Amino acid sequence: MKTGTLLNPTAEVPSRLREEIQKHFPGREISDLSIRYYESVEDVGYEYFTQKVLSACQDLEAVRYLEPFISFVCLGEALILSEEGIVVYDTDENDRCTETGPFWLVTAKKA
Protein backbone atom coordinates (compact mmCIF):
# COMPACT_ATOMS: atom_id res chain seq x y z
CA MET A 1 0.00 0.00 0.00
CA LYS A 2 1.13 3.52 -0.69
CA THR A 3 -0.23 7.02 -0.53
CA GLY A 4 -1.80 8.72 -3.51
CA THR A 5 0.22 10.88 -5.85
CA LEU A 6 -0.88 14.50 -5.91
CA LEU A 7 -1.01 15.77 -9.49
CA ASN A 8 0.92 19.00 -9.98
CA PRO A 9 -1.52 21.69 -11.27
CA THR A 10 1.05 22.82 -13.84
CA ALA A 11 1.51 19.29 -15.22
CA GLU A 12 -0.28 18.08 -18.33
CA VAL A 13 -3.65 16.61 -17.39
CA PRO A 14 -4.73 13.62 -19.51
CA SER A 15 -7.48 14.61 -21.96
CA ARG A 16 -10.05 12.11 -20.65
CA LEU A 17 -9.52 13.35 -17.10
CA ARG A 18 -9.77 16.98 -18.24
CA GLU A 19 -13.11 16.25 -19.97
CA GLU A 20 -14.55 14.66 -16.83
CA ILE A 21 -13.35 17.58 -14.70
CA GLN A 22 -14.98 20.09 -17.05
CA LYS A 23 -18.25 18.12 -16.88
CA HIS A 24 -18.37 17.86 -13.09
CA PHE A 25 -16.62 21.11 -12.13
CA PRO A 26 -17.70 23.61 -14.82
CA GLY A 27 -15.82 26.89 -14.67
CA ARG A 28 -13.32 25.63 -12.08
CA GLU A 29 -9.60 25.98 -12.67
CA ILE A 30 -7.39 22.90 -12.32
CA SER A 31 -5.45 24.78 -9.63
CA ASP A 32 -8.66 24.96 -7.52
CA LEU A 33 -8.89 21.17 -7.42
CA SER A 34 -7.03 18.42 -5.64
CA ILE A 35 -6.24 15.61 -8.09
CA ARG A 36 -4.74 12.48 -6.57
CA TYR A 37 -3.80 9.29 -8.40
CA TYR A 38 -4.29 5.99 -6.55
CA GLU A 39 -3.35 2.47 -7.60
CA SER A 40 -6.13 1.00 -5.44
CA VAL A 41 -9.06 2.03 -3.26
CA GLU A 42 -7.19 0.26 -0.45
CA ASP A 43 -4.50 2.96 -0.69
CA VAL A 44 -7.09 5.67 0.07
CA GLY A 45 -8.00 3.97 3.35
CA TYR A 46 -4.38 3.30 4.28
CA GLU A 47 -3.36 6.90 3.55
CA TYR A 48 -6.19 8.23 5.73
CA PHE A 49 -5.31 5.88 8.59
CA THR A 50 -1.59 6.70 8.57
CA GLN A 51 -1.88 10.44 7.96
CA LYS A 52 -5.04 11.37 9.89
CA VAL A 53 -5.81 8.72 12.49
CA LEU A 54 -2.30 7.83 13.64
CA SER A 55 -1.14 11.44 13.70
CA ALA A 56 -4.17 12.46 15.78
CA CYS A 57 -3.75 9.53 18.19
CA GLN A 58 0.03 9.34 18.41
CA ASP A 59 -0.06 9.14 22.21
CA LEU A 60 -2.38 6.14 22.18
CA GLU A 61 -0.34 3.00 21.56
CA ALA A 62 -3.55 0.94 21.33
CA VAL A 63 -4.44 2.58 18.00
CA ARG A 64 -1.44 0.87 16.33
CA TYR A 65 -2.83 -2.50 17.41
CA LEU A 66 -6.02 -1.81 15.42
CA GLU A 67 -4.22 -1.73 12.07
CA PRO A 68 -4.37 -5.49 11.32
CA PHE A 69 -8.13 -5.47 11.92
CA ILE A 70 -9.01 -2.55 9.64
CA SER A 71 -10.34 -3.16 6.15
CA PHE A 72 -8.55 -0.42 4.24
CA VAL A 73 -10.67 -1.27 1.18
CA CYS A 74 -13.91 -0.56 3.06
CA LEU A 75 -12.42 2.53 4.70
CA GLY A 76 -11.24 3.81 1.32
CA GLU A 77 -14.65 3.23 -0.25
CA ALA A 78 -16.38 5.07 2.60
CA LEU A 79 -13.98 8.00 2.34
CA ILE A 80 -14.45 8.31 -1.42
CA LEU A 81 -18.23 8.20 -1.08
CA SER A 82 -18.15 10.86 1.63
CA GLU A 83 -16.15 13.29 -0.54
CA GLU A 84 -17.71 15.86 -2.84
CA GLY A 85 -15.85 14.93 -6.01
CA ILE A 86 -15.39 12.42 -8.81
CA VAL A 87 -13.49 9.22 -9.48
CA VAL A 88 -12.06 8.81 -12.98
CA TYR A 89 -10.63 5.38 -13.74
CA ASP A 90 -7.32 5.18 -15.58
CA THR A 91 -8.42 2.96 -18.46
CA ASP A 92 -6.24 4.54 -21.15
CA GLU A 93 -3.94 1.77 -22.37
CA ASN A 94 -4.31 0.10 -18.99
CA ASP A 95 -5.21 -3.60 -19.10
CA ARG A 96 -5.16 -4.01 -15.34
CA CYS A 97 -7.88 -1.46 -14.46
CA THR A 98 -10.64 -2.89 -12.24
CA GLU A 99 -13.38 -1.41 -10.06
CA THR A 100 -10.80 -0.90 -7.31
CA GLY A 101 -8.29 1.07 -9.37
CA PRO A 102 -6.16 2.64 -10.60
CA PHE A 103 -8.02 5.95 -10.64
CA TRP A 104 -7.85 9.69 -10.13
CA LEU A 105 -9.78 11.17 -7.21
CA VAL A 106 -10.72 14.77 -7.95
CA THR A 107 -12.07 17.00 -5.17
CA ALA A 108 -12.30 20.72 -4.54
CA LYS A 109 -9.41 22.02 -2.45
CA LYS A 110 -10.36 22.70 1.13
CA ALA A 111 -9.73 26.19 2.43
C-alpha atoms as a PDB file:
ATOM      1  CA  MET A   1       0.000   0.000   0.000  1.00  0.00           C
ATOM      2  CA  LYS A   2       1.135   3.520  -0.691  1.00  0.00           C
ATOM      3  CA  THR A   3      -0.226   7.022  -0.530  1.00  0.00           C
ATOM      4  CA  GLY A   4      -1.801   8.720  -3.511  1.00  0.00           C
ATOM      5  CA  THR A   5       0.220  10.884  -5.849  1.00  0.00           C
ATOM      6  CA  LEU A   6      -0.885  14.497  -5.914  1.00  0.00           C
ATOM      7  CA  LEU A   7      -1.007  15.774  -9.490  1.00  0.00           C
ATOM      8  CA  ASN A   8       0.916  18.998  -9.979  1.00  0.00           C
ATOM      9  CA  PRO A   9      -1.519  21.691 -11.268  1.00  0.00           C
ATOM     10  CA  THR A  10       1.055  22.820 -13.841  1.00  0.00           C
ATOM     11  CA  ALA A  11       1.509  19.293 -15.216  1.00  0.00           C
ATOM     12  CA  GLU A  12      -0.276  18.083 -18.327  1.00  0.00           C
ATOM     13  CA  VAL A  13      -3.654  16.613 -17.387  1.00  0.00           C
ATOM     14  CA  PRO A  14      -4.730  13.622 -19.513  1.00  0.00           C
ATOM     15  CA  SER A  15      -7.481  14.612 -21.963  1.00  0.00           C
ATOM     16  CA  ARG A  16     -10.050  12.111 -20.653  1.00  0.00           C
ATOM     17  CA  LEU A  17      -9.521  13.351 -17.103  1.00  0.00           C
ATOM     18  CA  ARG A  18      -9.765  16.984 -18.241  1.00  0.00           C
ATOM     19  CA  GLU A  19     -13.106  16.253 -19.974  1.00  0.00           C
ATOM     20  CA  GLU A  20     -14.551  14.665 -16.826  1.00  0.00           C
ATOM     21  CA  ILE A  21     -13.347  17.575 -14.700  1.00  0.00           C
ATOM     22  CA  GLN A  22     -14.981  20.087 -17.047  1.00  0.00           C
ATOM     23  CA  LYS A  23     -18.255  18.116 -16.878  1.00  0.00           C
ATOM     24  CA  HIS A  24     -18.368  17.863 -13.088  1.00  0.00           C
ATOM     25  CA  PHE A  25     -16.617  21.106 -12.128  1.00  0.00           C
ATOM     26  CA  PRO A  26     -17.703  23.609 -14.823  1.00  0.00           C
ATOM     27  CA  GLY A  27     -15.820  26.893 -14.666  1.00  0.00           C
ATOM     28  CA  ARG A  28     -13.316  25.631 -12.083  1.00  0.00           C
ATOM     29  CA  GLU A  29      -9.600  25.981 -12.670  1.00  0.00           C
ATOM     30  CA  ILE A  30      -7.389  22.895 -12.317  1.00  0.00           C
ATOM     31  CA  SER A  31      -5.448  24.777  -9.631  1.00  0.00           C
ATOM     32  CA  ASP A  32      -8.664  24.965  -7.523  1.00  0.00           C
ATOM     33  CA  LEU A  33      -8.894  21.172  -7.420  1.00  0.00           C
ATOM     34  CA  SER A  34      -7.029  18.416  -5.640  1.00  0.00           C
ATOM     35  CA  ILE A  35      -6.238  15.609  -8.095  1.00  0.00           C
ATOM     36  CA  ARG A  36      -4.739  12.477  -6.569  1.00  0.00           C
ATOM     37  CA  TYR A  37      -3.803   9.287  -8.397  1.00  0.00           C
ATOM     38  CA  TYR A  38      -4.294   5.988  -6.555  1.00  0.00           C
ATOM     39  CA  GLU A  39      -3.354   2.469  -7.597  1.00  0.00           C
ATOM     40  CA  SER A  40      -6.127   1.004  -5.441  1.00  0.00           C
ATOM     41  CA  VAL A  41      -9.060   2.028  -3.258  1.00  0.00           C
ATOM     42  CA  GLU A  42      -7.188   0.264  -0.452  1.00  0.00           C
ATOM     43  CA  ASP A  43      -4.496   2.959  -0.690  1.00  0.00           C
ATOM     44  CA  VAL A  44      -7.086   5.665   0.072  1.00  0.00           C
ATOM     45  CA  GLY A  45      -8.002   3.969   3.350  1.00  0.00           C
ATOM     46  CA  TYR A  46      -4.380   3.300   4.275  1.00  0.00           C
ATOM     47  CA  GLU A  47      -3.361   6.896   3.549  1.00  0.00           C
ATOM     48  CA  TYR A  48      -6.185   8.229   5.728  1.00  0.00           C
ATOM     49  CA  PHE A  49      -5.306   5.878   8.586  1.00  0.00           C
ATOM     50  CA  THR A  50      -1.595   6.705   8.569  1.00  0.00           C
ATOM     51  CA  GLN A  51      -1.885  10.443   7.962  1.00  0.00           C
ATOM     52  CA  LYS A  52      -5.036  11.367   9.886  1.00  0.00           C
ATOM     53  CA  VAL A  53      -5.814   8.721  12.492  1.00  0.00           C
ATOM     54  CA  LEU A  54      -2.304   7.831  13.642  1.00  0.00           C
ATOM     55  CA  SER A  55      -1.145  11.444  13.702  1.00  0.00           C
ATOM     56  CA  ALA A  56      -4.174  12.461  15.779  1.00  0.00           C
ATOM     57  CA  CYS A  57      -3.749   9.533  18.195  1.00  0.00           C
ATOM     58  CA  GLN A  58       0.026   9.336  18.415  1.00  0.00           C
ATOM     59  CA  ASP A  59      -0.059   9.138  22.206  1.00  0.00           C
ATOM     60  CA  LEU A  60      -2.384   6.143  22.178  1.00  0.00           C
ATOM     61  CA  GLU A  61      -0.344   2.998  21.563  1.00  0.00           C
ATOM     62  CA  ALA A  62      -3.549   0.943  21.334  1.00  0.00           C
ATOM     63  CA  VAL A  63      -4.436   2.582  18.001  1.00  0.00           C
ATOM     64  CA  ARG A  64      -1.441   0.874  16.328  1.00  0.00           C
ATOM     65  CA  TYR A  65      -2.831  -2.498  17.407  1.00  0.00           C
ATOM     66  CA  LEU A  66      -6.023  -1.809  15.416  1.00  0.00           C
ATOM     67  CA  GLU A  67      -4.221  -1.729  12.069  1.00  0.00           C
ATOM     68  CA  PRO A  68      -4.369  -5.489  11.316  1.00  0.00           C
ATOM     69  CA  PHE A  69      -8.130  -5.471  11.921  1.00  0.00           C
ATOM     70  CA  ILE A  70      -9.007  -2.554   9.641  1.00  0.00           C
ATOM     71  CA  SER A  71     -10.336  -3.156   6.149  1.00  0.00           C
ATOM     72  CA  PHE A  72      -8.552  -0.420   4.238  1.00  0.00           C
ATOM     73  CA  VAL A  73     -10.666  -1.266   1.179  1.00  0.00           C
ATOM     74  CA  CYS A  74     -13.912  -0.560   3.060  1.00  0.00           C
ATOM     75  CA  LEU A  75     -12.423   2.529   4.703  1.00  0.00           C
ATOM     76  CA  GLY A  76     -11.236   3.811   1.322  1.00  0.00           C
ATOM     77  CA  GLU A  77     -14.649   3.229  -0.251  1.00  0.00           C
ATOM     78  CA  ALA A  78     -16.379   5.073   2.599  1.00  0.00           C
ATOM     79  CA  LEU A  79     -13.976   8.003   2.341  1.00  0.00           C
ATOM     80  CA  ILE A  80     -14.445   8.307  -1.420  1.00  0.00           C
ATOM     81  CA  LEU A  81     -18.231   8.197  -1.084  1.00  0.00           C
ATOM     82  CA  SER A  82     -18.146  10.864   1.632  1.00  0.00           C
ATOM     83  CA  GLU A  83     -16.149  13.293  -0.537  1.00  0.00           C
ATOM     84  CA  GLU A  84     -17.708  15.857  -2.841  1.00  0.00           C
ATOM     85  CA  GLY A  85     -15.849  14.927  -6.006  1.00  0.00           C
ATOM     86  CA  ILE A  86     -15.392  12.417  -8.809  1.00  0.00           C
ATOM     87  CA  VAL A  87     -13.490   9.218  -9.479  1.00  0.00           C
ATOM     88  CA  VAL A  88     -12.062   8.806 -12.980  1.00  0.00           C
ATOM     89  CA  TYR A  89     -10.633   5.376 -13.741  1.00  0.00           C
ATOM     90  CA  ASP A  90      -7.320   5.177 -15.580  1.00  0.00           C
ATOM     91  CA  THR A  91      -8.425   2.964 -18.457  1.00  0.00           C
ATOM     92  CA  ASP A  92      -6.241   4.545 -21.151  1.00  0.00           C
ATOM     93  CA  GLU A  93      -3.938   1.774 -22.365  1.00  0.00           C
ATOM     94  CA  ASN A  94      -4.310   0.099 -18.986  1.00  0.00           C
ATOM     95  CA  ASP A  95      -5.209  -3.596 -19.099  1.00  0.00           C
ATOM     96  CA  ARG A  96      -5.160  -4.010 -15.340  1.00  0.00           C
ATOM     97  CA  CYS A  97      -7.880  -1.463 -14.459  1.00  0.00           C
ATOM     98  CA  THR A  98     -10.639  -2.889 -12.237  1.00  0.00           C
ATOM     99  CA  GLU A  99     -13.382  -1.410 -10.065  1.00  0.00           C
ATOM    100  CA  THR A 100     -10.800  -0.903  -7.309  1.00  0.00           C
ATOM    101  CA  GLY A 101      -8.293   1.073  -9.369  1.00  0.00           C
ATOM    102  CA  PRO A 102      -6.163   2.638 -10.598  1.00  0.00           C
ATOM    103  CA  PHE A 103      -8.017   5.954 -10.637  1.00  0.00           C
ATOM    104  CA  TRP A 104      -7.847   9.695 -10.126  1.00  0.00           C
ATOM    105  CA  LEU A 105      -9.780  11.170  -7.212  1.00  0.00           C
ATOM    106  CA  VAL A 106     -10.725  14.774  -7.951  1.00  0.00           C
ATOM    107  CA  THR A 107     -12.069  17.001  -5.172  1.00  0.00           C
ATOM    108  CA  ALA A 108     -12.299  20.725  -4.541  1.00  0.00           C
ATOM    109  CA  LYS A 109      -9.413  22.023  -2.449  1.00  0.00           C
ATOM    110  CA  LYS A 110     -10.359  22.700   1.132  1.00  0.00           C
ATOM    111  CA  ALA A 111      -9.731  26.191   2.434  1.00  0.00           C
END
